[in-house]
Amino acid sequence: MAPNTPFDSWMNGDAGQIARDPSVAVDGTTSTVIACSGPVDFFIDPKDRRTVADAPFWYRSEPGDFSLSATVRPAFASTFDAGALLAMIDDTHWVKLAFEFTDMGFPAVVSVVTREVSDDANGQKINAEMVRLRVSRRENLWALHWADVGTSAEAPWRMLRYFRLGEPGDAVKVGLVTQCPTGTGSTAEFTDIALGDPPADMRGG
């Protein structure tokens, strides 16, 4: 585990999934680069319930309310390559917020809410190498937000989804995922990782 990060456990991986590049300080406060060897993903197809749950997931168990945010910069090599935030109640109830190279041919912020099966919602085209993502939970209310990176002033959060999932007492595995469902491998860089309290205004951010 890299020091100074809130995560302490792995699913489908171990500390070897953290790609240590000499030019990148892997200490949680600067950059953490997680590698995947494809094809791997988290998705339960609504058509036939085909389940894929084998992407490297670095997480911690969070029993109460939280908000996880990070700036995400994937290395887009193949369709659906992404860096994502994942919050998992159990194998069939989870939330994924990703910066993904979509099958529309461009990067977008993509959300997946899984209730026995997954949905799949693509956002607008993003003309940038990175975005800031945030997943927030207050009891059983959830909000997904994203923000631009690199503006002169702090960019506002933009709400992507607001919904209900699970029960207030559910423990949640929350953390970072790198996926590469159609390719042979990829990486995603996560910076400015923060795990804290959810916003007072869950919709507005």
N, C-alpha and C. Protein backbone atom coordinates (compact mmCIF):
# COMPACT_ATOMS: atom_id res chain seq x y z
N MET A 1 0.84 -1.20 0.00
CA MET A 1 0.00 0.00 0.00
C MET A 1 0.86 1.24 0.00
N ALA A 2 0.54 2.20 -0.85
CA ALA A 2 1.25 3.48 -0.82
C ALA A 2 0.88 4.23 0.44
N PRO A 3 1.84 4.92 1.09
CA PRO A 3 1.51 5.65 2.31
C PRO A 3 0.62 6.85 2.02
N ASN A 4 -0.03 7.33 3.10
CA ASN A 4 -0.82 8.57 3.05
C ASN A 4 -2.06 8.46 2.16
N THR A 5 -2.54 7.26 1.93
CA THR A 5 -3.79 7.09 1.19
C THR A 5 -4.82 6.46 2.13
N PRO A 6 -6.11 6.62 1.84
CA PRO A 6 -7.12 6.05 2.72
C PRO A 6 -7.40 4.58 2.47
N PHE A 7 -6.73 3.94 1.51
CA PHE A 7 -7.08 2.58 1.10
C PHE A 7 -6.13 1.56 1.71
N ASP A 8 -6.68 0.35 2.02
CA ASP A 8 -5.86 -0.66 2.67
C ASP A 8 -6.10 -2.08 2.16
N SER A 9 -6.96 -2.26 1.15
CA SER A 9 -7.29 -3.60 0.69
C SER A 9 -7.37 -3.63 -0.84
N TRP A 10 -7.20 -4.85 -1.38
CA TRP A 10 -7.28 -5.06 -2.82
C TRP A 10 -8.32 -6.12 -3.16
N MET A 11 -9.01 -5.92 -4.26
CA MET A 11 -9.81 -6.95 -4.90
C MET A 11 -9.25 -7.11 -6.31
N ASN A 12 -8.99 -8.34 -6.73
CA ASN A 12 -8.44 -8.62 -8.06
C ASN A 12 -7.05 -8.02 -8.27
N GLY A 13 -6.29 -7.91 -7.24
CA GLY A 13 -4.95 -7.35 -7.41
C GLY A 13 -4.22 -7.26 -6.09
N ASP A 14 -3.09 -6.59 -6.13
CA ASP A 14 -2.29 -6.35 -4.94
C ASP A 14 -1.43 -5.13 -5.20
N ALA A 15 -0.48 -4.88 -4.34
CA ALA A 15 0.34 -3.69 -4.49
C ALA A 15 1.11 -3.66 -5.80
N GLY A 16 1.27 -4.83 -6.43
CA GLY A 16 1.93 -4.88 -7.73
C GLY A 16 1.13 -4.20 -8.83
N GLN A 17 -0.16 -3.94 -8.59
CA GLN A 17 -0.97 -3.23 -9.58
C GLN A 17 -0.64 -1.74 -9.62
N ILE A 18 0.08 -1.25 -8.61
CA ILE A 18 0.48 0.15 -8.61
C ILE A 18 1.74 0.28 -9.44
N ALA A 19 1.62 0.92 -10.60
CA ALA A 19 2.75 1.05 -11.52
C ALA A 19 3.65 2.18 -11.02
N ARG A 20 4.87 1.82 -10.69
CA ARG A 20 5.79 2.83 -10.16
C ARG A 20 6.68 3.35 -11.28
N ASP A 21 6.35 4.53 -11.76
CA ASP A 21 7.13 5.20 -12.79
C ASP A 21 8.10 6.15 -12.09
N PRO A 22 9.38 6.17 -12.47
CA PRO A 22 10.33 7.07 -11.79
C PRO A 22 9.91 8.54 -11.82
N SER A 23 9.09 8.91 -12.80
CA SER A 23 8.68 10.31 -12.89
C SER A 23 7.44 10.62 -12.06
N VAL A 24 6.88 9.59 -11.42
CA VAL A 24 5.64 9.75 -10.66
C VAL A 24 5.89 9.37 -9.21
N ALA A 25 5.61 10.27 -8.29
CA ALA A 25 5.73 9.98 -6.87
C ALA A 25 4.46 9.28 -6.41
N VAL A 26 4.59 8.01 -6.03
CA VAL A 26 3.41 7.23 -5.66
C VAL A 26 3.27 7.30 -4.13
N ASP A 27 2.68 8.40 -3.64
CA ASP A 27 2.57 8.56 -2.19
C ASP A 27 1.18 9.01 -1.76
N GLY A 28 0.20 8.94 -2.68
CA GLY A 28 -1.16 9.28 -2.30
C GLY A 28 -1.45 10.76 -2.32
N THR A 29 -0.49 11.58 -1.91
CA THR A 29 -0.70 13.02 -1.92
C THR A 29 -0.37 13.61 -3.28
N THR A 30 0.35 12.89 -4.11
CA THR A 30 0.68 13.38 -5.45
C THR A 30 0.01 12.51 -6.50
N SER A 31 0.57 11.34 -6.79
CA SER A 31 0.00 10.50 -7.84
C SER A 31 0.06 9.02 -7.48
N THR A 32 -1.00 8.33 -7.80
CA THR A 32 -1.03 6.87 -7.72
C THR A 32 -1.46 6.36 -9.09
N VAL A 33 -0.64 5.52 -9.70
CA VAL A 33 -0.93 4.97 -11.01
C VAL A 33 -1.24 3.48 -10.85
N ILE A 34 -2.46 3.08 -11.22
CA ILE A 34 -2.88 1.69 -11.10
C ILE A 34 -2.96 1.08 -12.50
N ALA A 35 -2.32 -0.06 -12.67
CA ALA A 35 -2.28 -0.74 -13.97
C ALA A 35 -3.27 -1.90 -14.00
N CYS A 36 -3.81 -2.17 -15.20
CA CYS A 36 -4.64 -3.36 -15.38
C CYS A 36 -4.12 -4.13 -16.58
N SER A 37 -4.30 -5.44 -16.53
CA SER A 37 -3.97 -6.31 -17.65
C SER A 37 -5.27 -6.89 -18.17
N GLY A 38 -5.64 -6.49 -19.38
CA GLY A 38 -6.98 -6.77 -19.88
C GLY A 38 -7.15 -8.16 -20.49
N PRO A 39 -8.42 -8.46 -20.79
CA PRO A 39 -9.60 -7.62 -20.58
C PRO A 39 -10.18 -7.77 -19.17
N VAL A 40 -10.38 -6.64 -18.46
CA VAL A 40 -10.96 -6.65 -17.13
C VAL A 40 -11.93 -5.48 -16.99
N ASP A 41 -12.94 -5.66 -16.11
CA ASP A 41 -13.99 -4.64 -15.97
C ASP A 41 -14.83 -4.96 -14.74
N PHE A 42 -15.76 -4.05 -14.41
CA PHE A 42 -16.87 -4.31 -13.50
C PHE A 42 -18.15 -3.97 -14.26
N PHE A 43 -18.99 -4.98 -14.54
CA PHE A 43 -20.23 -4.74 -15.27
C PHE A 43 -21.09 -6.00 -15.22
N ILE A 44 -22.41 -5.82 -15.02
CA ILE A 44 -23.38 -6.91 -15.12
C ILE A 44 -24.32 -6.54 -16.25
N ASP A 45 -24.20 -7.21 -17.38
CA ASP A 45 -24.92 -6.84 -18.59
C ASP A 45 -26.43 -6.96 -18.41
N PRO A 46 -27.18 -5.89 -18.65
CA PRO A 46 -28.64 -5.98 -18.50
C PRO A 46 -29.31 -6.90 -19.51
N LYS A 47 -28.62 -7.20 -20.60
CA LYS A 47 -29.20 -8.07 -21.63
C LYS A 47 -29.28 -9.52 -21.18
N ASP A 48 -28.16 -10.03 -20.65
CA ASP A 48 -28.11 -11.46 -20.33
C ASP A 48 -27.52 -11.75 -18.94
N ARG A 49 -27.30 -10.69 -18.15
CA ARG A 49 -26.74 -10.80 -16.80
C ARG A 49 -25.31 -11.35 -16.78
N ARG A 50 -24.63 -11.32 -17.91
CA ARG A 50 -23.23 -11.73 -17.92
C ARG A 50 -22.44 -10.82 -16.99
N THR A 51 -21.72 -11.41 -16.05
CA THR A 51 -21.06 -10.66 -14.99
C THR A 51 -19.56 -10.64 -15.20
N VAL A 52 -18.99 -9.45 -15.18
CA VAL A 52 -17.54 -9.28 -15.19
C VAL A 52 -17.18 -8.46 -13.95
N ALA A 53 -16.27 -8.97 -13.14
CA ALA A 53 -15.90 -8.29 -11.90
C ALA A 53 -14.45 -8.60 -11.57
N ASP A 54 -13.56 -8.28 -12.51
CA ASP A 54 -12.17 -8.70 -12.35
C ASP A 54 -11.14 -7.58 -12.51
N ALA A 55 -11.57 -6.31 -12.54
CA ALA A 55 -10.62 -5.20 -12.63
C ALA A 55 -9.98 -4.96 -11.26
N PRO A 56 -8.73 -4.49 -11.24
CA PRO A 56 -8.07 -4.21 -9.96
C PRO A 56 -8.76 -3.07 -9.22
N PHE A 57 -9.14 -3.32 -7.97
CA PHE A 57 -9.91 -2.39 -7.15
C PHE A 57 -9.17 -2.21 -5.82
N TRP A 58 -8.71 -0.99 -5.58
CA TRP A 58 -7.98 -0.63 -4.35
C TRP A 58 -8.94 0.16 -3.48
N TYR A 59 -9.24 -0.33 -2.27
CA TYR A 59 -10.36 0.21 -1.53
C TYR A 59 -10.14 0.17 -0.03
N ARG A 60 -11.11 0.75 0.68
CA ARG A 60 -11.26 0.57 2.11
C ARG A 60 -12.74 0.37 2.38
N SER A 61 -13.08 -0.22 3.53
CA SER A 61 -14.46 -0.39 3.94
C SER A 61 -14.90 0.83 4.73
N GLU A 62 -16.00 1.42 4.30
CA GLU A 62 -16.51 2.66 4.91
C GLU A 62 -17.91 2.37 5.44
N PRO A 63 -18.13 2.44 6.78
CA PRO A 63 -19.43 2.06 7.33
C PRO A 63 -20.48 3.15 7.30
N GLY A 64 -20.07 4.38 7.11
CA GLY A 64 -21.03 5.48 7.20
C GLY A 64 -21.04 6.37 5.98
N ASP A 65 -21.42 7.62 6.19
CA ASP A 65 -21.46 8.59 5.10
C ASP A 65 -20.04 8.94 4.65
N PHE A 66 -19.88 9.26 3.37
CA PHE A 66 -18.56 9.62 2.87
C PHE A 66 -18.68 10.36 1.54
N SER A 67 -17.55 10.94 1.15
CA SER A 67 -17.39 11.49 -0.19
C SER A 67 -15.97 11.19 -0.63
N LEU A 68 -15.81 10.49 -1.74
CA LEU A 68 -14.50 10.19 -2.31
C LEU A 68 -14.33 10.98 -3.59
N SER A 69 -13.23 11.71 -3.69
CA SER A 69 -12.94 12.47 -4.91
C SER A 69 -11.50 12.23 -5.32
N ALA A 70 -11.24 12.38 -6.63
CA ALA A 70 -9.89 12.26 -7.16
C ALA A 70 -9.87 12.85 -8.57
N THR A 71 -8.72 13.36 -8.95
CA THR A 71 -8.49 13.71 -10.34
C THR A 71 -7.99 12.47 -11.06
N VAL A 72 -8.61 12.16 -12.20
CA VAL A 72 -8.37 10.89 -12.89
C VAL A 72 -7.84 11.17 -14.29
N ARG A 73 -6.72 10.54 -14.60
CA ARG A 73 -6.09 10.69 -15.92
C ARG A 73 -5.78 9.30 -16.49
N PRO A 74 -6.66 8.72 -17.28
CA PRO A 74 -6.41 7.40 -17.86
C PRO A 74 -5.48 7.48 -19.07
N ALA A 75 -4.83 6.35 -19.34
CA ALA A 75 -4.09 6.19 -20.59
C ALA A 75 -5.01 5.47 -21.56
N PHE A 76 -5.68 6.22 -22.41
CA PHE A 76 -6.69 5.64 -23.29
C PHE A 76 -6.03 4.90 -24.45
N ALA A 77 -5.99 3.57 -24.36
CA ALA A 77 -5.41 2.75 -25.42
C ALA A 77 -6.48 2.04 -26.24
N SER A 78 -7.60 1.67 -25.60
CA SER A 78 -8.65 0.91 -26.27
C SER A 78 -10.02 1.39 -25.79
N THR A 79 -11.05 1.01 -26.52
CA THR A 79 -12.42 1.37 -26.15
C THR A 79 -12.75 0.86 -24.75
N PHE A 80 -13.37 1.72 -23.97
CA PHE A 80 -13.81 1.48 -22.59
C PHE A 80 -12.68 1.51 -21.58
N ASP A 81 -11.44 1.80 -21.99
CA ASP A 81 -10.39 2.03 -21.00
C ASP A 81 -10.82 3.18 -20.10
N ALA A 82 -10.57 3.06 -18.80
CA ALA A 82 -11.03 4.09 -17.87
C ALA A 82 -10.29 4.01 -16.55
N GLY A 83 -10.26 5.14 -15.88
CA GLY A 83 -9.98 5.20 -14.45
C GLY A 83 -11.28 5.57 -13.77
N ALA A 84 -11.57 4.94 -12.62
CA ALA A 84 -12.90 5.10 -12.03
C ALA A 84 -12.84 5.10 -10.52
N LEU A 85 -13.88 5.69 -9.92
CA LEU A 85 -14.18 5.53 -8.51
C LEU A 85 -15.28 4.48 -8.39
N LEU A 86 -15.13 3.56 -7.46
CA LEU A 86 -16.09 2.48 -7.29
C LEU A 86 -16.52 2.42 -5.84
N ALA A 87 -17.84 2.28 -5.61
CA ALA A 87 -18.38 2.09 -4.26
C ALA A 87 -19.29 0.88 -4.30
N MET A 88 -18.93 -0.16 -3.53
CA MET A 88 -19.59 -1.46 -3.64
C MET A 88 -20.22 -1.87 -2.32
N ILE A 89 -21.54 -2.04 -2.33
CA ILE A 89 -22.24 -2.59 -1.17
C ILE A 89 -22.07 -4.11 -1.15
N ASP A 90 -22.34 -4.76 -2.28
CA ASP A 90 -22.09 -6.19 -2.46
C ASP A 90 -21.90 -6.45 -3.94
N ASP A 91 -21.84 -7.71 -4.34
CA ASP A 91 -21.49 -8.06 -5.71
C ASP A 91 -22.49 -7.56 -6.74
N THR A 92 -23.73 -7.32 -6.33
CA THR A 92 -24.76 -6.93 -7.29
C THR A 92 -25.38 -5.56 -6.97
N HIS A 93 -24.76 -4.81 -6.06
CA HIS A 93 -25.23 -3.46 -5.74
C HIS A 93 -24.01 -2.56 -5.58
N TRP A 94 -23.73 -1.77 -6.61
CA TRP A 94 -22.55 -0.93 -6.58
C TRP A 94 -22.67 0.23 -7.56
N VAL A 95 -21.75 1.17 -7.42
CA VAL A 95 -21.75 2.41 -8.20
C VAL A 95 -20.35 2.62 -8.77
N LYS A 96 -20.27 2.93 -10.05
CA LYS A 96 -18.98 3.24 -10.68
C LYS A 96 -19.08 4.57 -11.42
N LEU A 97 -18.12 5.46 -11.17
CA LEU A 97 -18.04 6.74 -11.86
C LEU A 97 -16.68 6.79 -12.54
N ALA A 98 -16.67 6.84 -13.88
CA ALA A 98 -15.45 6.65 -14.65
C ALA A 98 -15.19 7.78 -15.63
N PHE A 99 -13.92 8.05 -15.88
CA PHE A 99 -13.50 8.83 -17.04
C PHE A 99 -13.04 7.80 -18.06
N GLU A 100 -13.82 7.64 -19.13
CA GLU A 100 -13.73 6.48 -20.01
C GLU A 100 -13.65 6.89 -21.48
N PHE A 101 -12.90 6.11 -22.26
CA PHE A 101 -12.92 6.27 -23.71
C PHE A 101 -14.09 5.45 -24.23
N THR A 102 -15.18 6.12 -24.59
CA THR A 102 -16.43 5.45 -24.89
C THR A 102 -16.44 4.83 -26.28
N ASP A 103 -17.49 4.02 -26.53
CA ASP A 103 -17.67 3.45 -27.85
C ASP A 103 -18.24 4.47 -28.84
N MET A 104 -18.44 5.71 -28.39
CA MET A 104 -18.80 6.80 -29.29
C MET A 104 -17.56 7.43 -29.92
N GLY A 105 -16.38 7.00 -29.48
CA GLY A 105 -15.14 7.46 -30.09
C GLY A 105 -14.49 8.63 -29.41
N PHE A 106 -14.94 8.96 -28.19
CA PHE A 106 -14.32 10.08 -27.46
C PHE A 106 -14.43 9.83 -25.95
N PRO A 107 -13.60 10.52 -25.17
CA PRO A 107 -13.67 10.38 -23.71
C PRO A 107 -14.91 11.08 -23.15
N ALA A 108 -15.46 10.51 -22.10
CA ALA A 108 -16.61 11.09 -21.41
C ALA A 108 -16.63 10.59 -19.98
N VAL A 109 -17.35 11.32 -19.13
CA VAL A 109 -17.62 10.83 -17.78
C VAL A 109 -18.80 9.87 -17.88
N VAL A 110 -18.59 8.65 -17.41
CA VAL A 110 -19.58 7.57 -17.55
C VAL A 110 -19.96 7.08 -16.16
N SER A 111 -21.25 6.87 -15.95
CA SER A 111 -21.71 6.34 -14.67
C SER A 111 -22.42 5.01 -14.87
N VAL A 112 -22.22 4.11 -13.91
CA VAL A 112 -22.88 2.81 -13.90
C VAL A 112 -23.46 2.59 -12.51
N VAL A 113 -24.76 2.42 -12.43
CA VAL A 113 -25.41 2.07 -11.17
C VAL A 113 -25.95 0.65 -11.32
N THR A 114 -25.53 -0.23 -10.43
CA THR A 114 -25.88 -1.64 -10.53
C THR A 114 -26.83 -2.02 -9.40
N ARG A 115 -28.02 -2.45 -9.81
CA ARG A 115 -29.02 -3.02 -8.91
C ARG A 115 -29.40 -4.38 -9.50
N GLU A 116 -28.68 -5.41 -9.14
CA GLU A 116 -28.77 -6.75 -9.73
C GLU A 116 -28.18 -6.79 -11.14
N VAL A 117 -28.55 -5.83 -12.00
CA VAL A 117 -27.88 -5.65 -13.29
C VAL A 117 -27.42 -4.19 -13.39
N SER A 118 -26.49 -3.93 -14.30
CA SER A 118 -25.93 -2.59 -14.45
C SER A 118 -26.68 -1.78 -15.49
N ASP A 119 -26.79 -0.48 -15.26
CA ASP A 119 -27.12 0.42 -16.35
C ASP A 119 -25.81 1.02 -16.87
N ASP A 120 -25.88 1.87 -17.87
CA ASP A 120 -24.67 2.45 -18.46
C ASP A 120 -25.05 3.80 -19.06
N ALA A 121 -24.54 4.88 -18.48
CA ALA A 121 -24.93 6.22 -18.91
C ALA A 121 -23.70 7.04 -19.28
N ASN A 122 -23.61 7.41 -20.56
CA ASN A 122 -22.50 8.23 -21.04
C ASN A 122 -22.82 9.70 -20.91
N GLY A 123 -21.82 10.49 -20.50
CA GLY A 123 -21.95 11.93 -20.44
C GLY A 123 -21.46 12.59 -21.71
N GLN A 124 -21.24 13.89 -21.62
CA GLN A 124 -20.82 14.67 -22.77
C GLN A 124 -19.35 14.43 -23.10
N LYS A 125 -18.96 14.79 -24.30
CA LYS A 125 -17.57 14.68 -24.73
C LYS A 125 -16.69 15.59 -23.87
N ILE A 126 -15.55 15.05 -23.43
CA ILE A 126 -14.59 15.80 -22.62
C ILE A 126 -13.33 16.02 -23.45
N ASN A 127 -12.99 17.26 -23.70
CA ASN A 127 -11.79 17.60 -24.46
C ASN A 127 -10.64 17.89 -23.51
N ALA A 128 -10.28 16.91 -22.71
CA ALA A 128 -9.21 17.08 -21.74
C ALA A 128 -8.63 15.71 -21.42
N GLU A 129 -7.41 15.69 -20.89
CA GLU A 129 -6.76 14.44 -20.54
C GLU A 129 -7.18 13.94 -19.16
N MET A 130 -7.76 14.81 -18.35
CA MET A 130 -8.13 14.42 -16.99
C MET A 130 -9.36 15.19 -16.54
N VAL A 131 -10.07 14.62 -15.60
CA VAL A 131 -11.20 15.29 -14.95
C VAL A 131 -11.15 14.96 -13.47
N ARG A 132 -11.92 15.72 -12.69
CA ARG A 132 -12.07 15.41 -11.28
C ARG A 132 -13.42 14.74 -11.08
N LEU A 133 -13.42 13.62 -10.34
CA LEU A 133 -14.63 12.84 -10.10
C LEU A 133 -14.92 12.79 -8.60
N ARG A 134 -16.21 12.66 -8.26
CA ARG A 134 -16.58 12.54 -6.85
C ARG A 134 -17.82 11.66 -6.69
N VAL A 135 -17.75 10.71 -5.77
CA VAL A 135 -18.87 9.87 -5.37
C VAL A 135 -19.19 10.18 -3.92
N SER A 136 -20.47 10.53 -3.64
CA SER A 136 -20.87 10.89 -2.28
C SER A 136 -22.05 10.03 -1.84
N ARG A 137 -22.05 9.69 -0.56
CA ARG A 137 -23.15 8.91 0.03
C ARG A 137 -23.56 9.54 1.35
N ARG A 138 -24.85 9.76 1.52
CA ARG A 138 -25.42 10.15 2.80
C ARG A 138 -26.59 9.20 3.09
N GLU A 139 -26.40 8.31 4.07
CA GLU A 139 -27.35 7.23 4.36
C GLU A 139 -27.55 6.40 3.10
N ASN A 140 -28.74 6.40 2.49
CA ASN A 140 -28.90 5.63 1.25
C ASN A 140 -29.16 6.54 0.04
N LEU A 141 -28.78 7.81 0.16
CA LEU A 141 -28.81 8.74 -0.97
C LEU A 141 -27.40 8.89 -1.52
N TRP A 142 -27.30 8.91 -2.84
CA TRP A 142 -26.01 8.99 -3.52
C TRP A 142 -26.01 10.13 -4.53
N ALA A 143 -24.84 10.71 -4.74
CA ALA A 143 -24.69 11.75 -5.77
C ALA A 143 -23.35 11.55 -6.46
N LEU A 144 -23.36 11.69 -7.78
CA LEU A 144 -22.16 11.60 -8.60
C LEU A 144 -21.91 12.96 -9.24
N HIS A 145 -20.69 13.48 -9.09
CA HIS A 145 -20.33 14.79 -9.64
C HIS A 145 -19.00 14.69 -10.39
N TRP A 146 -18.78 15.64 -11.29
CA TRP A 146 -17.50 15.78 -11.95
C TRP A 146 -17.18 17.26 -12.12
N ALA A 147 -15.90 17.56 -12.33
CA ALA A 147 -15.47 18.95 -12.49
C ALA A 147 -14.30 19.00 -13.46
N ASP A 148 -14.17 20.14 -14.14
CA ASP A 148 -13.02 20.38 -15.01
C ASP A 148 -11.75 20.52 -14.17
N VAL A 149 -10.61 20.33 -14.82
CA VAL A 149 -9.31 20.47 -14.18
C VAL A 149 -8.49 21.47 -14.98
N GLY A 150 -7.73 22.30 -14.30
CA GLY A 150 -6.80 23.17 -14.99
C GLY A 150 -7.32 24.57 -15.30
N THR A 151 -8.48 24.92 -14.78
CA THR A 151 -8.98 26.27 -14.97
C THR A 151 -8.30 27.22 -13.99
N SER A 152 -8.39 28.53 -14.27
CA SER A 152 -7.72 29.51 -13.42
C SER A 152 -8.34 29.57 -12.03
N ALA A 153 -9.63 29.32 -11.93
CA ALA A 153 -10.30 29.26 -10.64
C ALA A 153 -10.79 27.83 -10.41
N GLU A 154 -11.09 27.53 -9.17
CA GLU A 154 -11.58 26.19 -8.87
C GLU A 154 -12.89 25.93 -9.59
N ALA A 155 -12.93 24.88 -10.39
CA ALA A 155 -14.11 24.60 -11.20
C ALA A 155 -15.24 24.08 -10.32
N PRO A 156 -16.47 24.44 -10.62
CA PRO A 156 -17.60 23.95 -9.82
C PRO A 156 -17.89 22.49 -10.13
N TRP A 157 -18.46 21.80 -9.14
CA TRP A 157 -18.91 20.44 -9.36
C TRP A 157 -20.17 20.44 -10.20
N ARG A 158 -20.26 19.50 -11.13
CA ARG A 158 -21.45 19.34 -11.97
C ARG A 158 -22.10 18.01 -11.63
N MET A 159 -23.37 18.05 -11.25
CA MET A 159 -24.05 16.82 -10.88
C MET A 159 -24.34 15.96 -12.11
N LEU A 160 -24.00 14.68 -12.00
CA LEU A 160 -24.28 13.73 -13.07
C LEU A 160 -25.49 12.86 -12.74
N ARG A 161 -25.55 12.39 -11.48
CA ARG A 161 -26.68 11.55 -11.07
C ARG A 161 -26.95 11.75 -9.59
N TYR A 162 -28.21 11.54 -9.21
CA TYR A 162 -28.67 11.61 -7.82
C TYR A 162 -29.69 10.49 -7.66
N PHE A 163 -29.48 9.58 -6.71
CA PHE A 163 -30.31 8.37 -6.66
C PHE A 163 -30.25 7.74 -5.27
N ARG A 164 -31.03 6.69 -5.10
CA ARG A 164 -31.11 5.95 -3.86
C ARG A 164 -30.60 4.53 -4.10
N LEU A 165 -29.80 4.01 -3.16
CA LEU A 165 -29.27 2.65 -3.31
C LEU A 165 -28.94 2.10 -1.93
N GLY A 166 -29.34 0.87 -1.67
CA GLY A 166 -29.00 0.21 -0.43
C GLY A 166 -29.74 0.75 0.77
N GLU A 167 -29.18 0.46 1.97
CA GLU A 167 -29.75 0.89 3.23
C GLU A 167 -28.74 1.74 3.99
N PRO A 168 -29.21 2.63 4.87
CA PRO A 168 -28.28 3.53 5.56
C PRO A 168 -27.16 2.83 6.32
N GLY A 169 -27.41 1.63 6.84
CA GLY A 169 -26.39 0.95 7.63
C GLY A 169 -25.42 0.09 6.84
N ASP A 170 -25.55 0.06 5.53
CA ASP A 170 -24.68 -0.79 4.72
C ASP A 170 -23.22 -0.33 4.77
N ALA A 171 -22.31 -1.24 5.03
CA ALA A 171 -20.88 -0.95 4.84
C ALA A 171 -20.59 -0.96 3.35
N VAL A 172 -19.69 -0.08 2.93
CA VAL A 172 -19.39 0.09 1.51
C VAL A 172 -17.89 -0.02 1.29
N LYS A 173 -17.50 -0.80 0.30
CA LYS A 173 -16.11 -0.81 -0.16
C LYS A 173 -15.95 0.33 -1.16
N VAL A 174 -15.09 1.28 -0.86
CA VAL A 174 -14.97 2.46 -1.71
C VAL A 174 -13.50 2.67 -2.08
N GLY A 175 -13.26 2.93 -3.38
CA GLY A 175 -11.88 3.12 -3.79
C GLY A 175 -11.73 3.37 -5.28
N LEU A 176 -10.59 2.93 -5.82
CA LEU A 176 -10.15 3.27 -7.17
C LEU A 176 -10.05 2.02 -8.03
N VAL A 177 -10.40 2.16 -9.31
CA VAL A 177 -10.36 1.05 -10.27
C VAL A 177 -9.73 1.53 -11.57
N THR A 178 -8.94 0.67 -12.19
CA THR A 178 -8.53 0.86 -13.57
C THR A 178 -9.09 -0.30 -14.38
N GLN A 179 -9.80 0.02 -15.48
CA GLN A 179 -10.42 -1.02 -16.30
C GLN A 179 -9.93 -0.95 -17.74
N CYS A 180 -9.92 -2.11 -18.40
CA CYS A 180 -9.56 -2.21 -19.82
C CYS A 180 -10.31 -3.40 -20.40
N PRO A 181 -11.63 -3.25 -20.66
CA PRO A 181 -12.47 -4.38 -21.05
C PRO A 181 -12.20 -4.95 -22.43
N THR A 182 -11.67 -4.14 -23.36
CA THR A 182 -11.49 -4.61 -24.73
C THR A 182 -10.04 -4.70 -25.15
N GLY A 183 -9.13 -4.18 -24.35
CA GLY A 183 -7.73 -4.15 -24.72
C GLY A 183 -6.89 -5.12 -23.90
N THR A 184 -5.59 -5.03 -24.08
CA THR A 184 -4.68 -5.94 -23.39
C THR A 184 -4.11 -5.35 -22.11
N GLY A 185 -4.32 -4.06 -21.90
CA GLY A 185 -3.81 -3.44 -20.68
C GLY A 185 -3.86 -1.93 -20.76
N SER A 186 -3.84 -1.30 -19.59
CA SER A 186 -3.86 0.16 -19.53
C SER A 186 -3.47 0.60 -18.13
N THR A 187 -3.39 1.90 -17.94
CA THR A 187 -3.14 2.48 -16.62
C THR A 187 -4.04 3.69 -16.44
N ALA A 188 -4.23 4.08 -15.18
CA ALA A 188 -4.90 5.33 -14.87
C ALA A 188 -4.17 5.97 -13.69
N GLU A 189 -3.98 7.27 -13.78
CA GLU A 189 -3.33 8.02 -12.73
C GLU A 189 -4.39 8.75 -11.90
N PHE A 190 -4.30 8.61 -10.58
CA PHE A 190 -5.22 9.25 -9.65
C PHE A 190 -4.43 10.24 -8.79
N THR A 191 -4.84 11.49 -8.79
CA THR A 191 -4.17 12.49 -7.98
C THR A 191 -5.17 13.20 -7.09
N ASP A 192 -4.65 13.90 -6.07
CA ASP A 192 -5.50 14.67 -5.15
C ASP A 192 -6.63 13.82 -4.60
N ILE A 193 -6.30 12.62 -4.15
CA ILE A 193 -7.30 11.70 -3.61
C ILE A 193 -7.76 12.21 -2.25
N ALA A 194 -9.08 12.31 -2.07
CA ALA A 194 -9.61 12.80 -0.80
C ALA A 194 -10.83 11.98 -0.40
N LEU A 195 -10.85 11.52 0.84
CA LEU A 195 -11.99 10.80 1.38
C LEU A 195 -12.44 11.52 2.64
N GLY A 196 -13.68 12.04 2.63
CA GLY A 196 -14.16 12.81 3.76
C GLY A 196 -15.67 12.77 3.85
N ASP A 197 -16.23 13.83 4.39
CA ASP A 197 -17.68 13.91 4.60
C ASP A 197 -18.39 14.29 3.30
N PRO A 198 -19.64 13.85 3.13
CA PRO A 198 -20.40 14.25 1.94
C PRO A 198 -20.78 15.71 2.02
N PRO A 199 -21.09 16.33 0.87
CA PRO A 199 -21.50 17.74 0.88
C PRO A 199 -22.84 17.91 1.56
N ALA A 200 -23.06 19.12 2.12
CA ALA A 200 -24.36 19.41 2.75
C ALA A 200 -25.48 19.38 1.73
N ASP A 201 -25.20 19.87 0.53
CA ASP A 201 -26.16 19.85 -0.57
C ASP A 201 -25.76 18.73 -1.51
N MET A 202 -26.39 17.59 -1.40
CA MET A 202 -26.00 16.42 -2.17
C MET A 202 -26.18 16.64 -3.68
N ARG A 203 -27.19 17.38 -4.06
CA ARG A 203 -27.39 17.65 -5.49
C ARG A 203 -26.42 18.70 -6.01
N GLY A 204 -26.31 19.78 -5.30
CA GLY A 204 -25.54 20.91 -5.80
C GLY A 204 -24.05 20.75 -5.65
N GLY A 205 -23.62 19.93 -4.72
CA GLY A 205 -22.20 19.69 -4.56
C GLY A 205 -21.49 20.66 -3.65
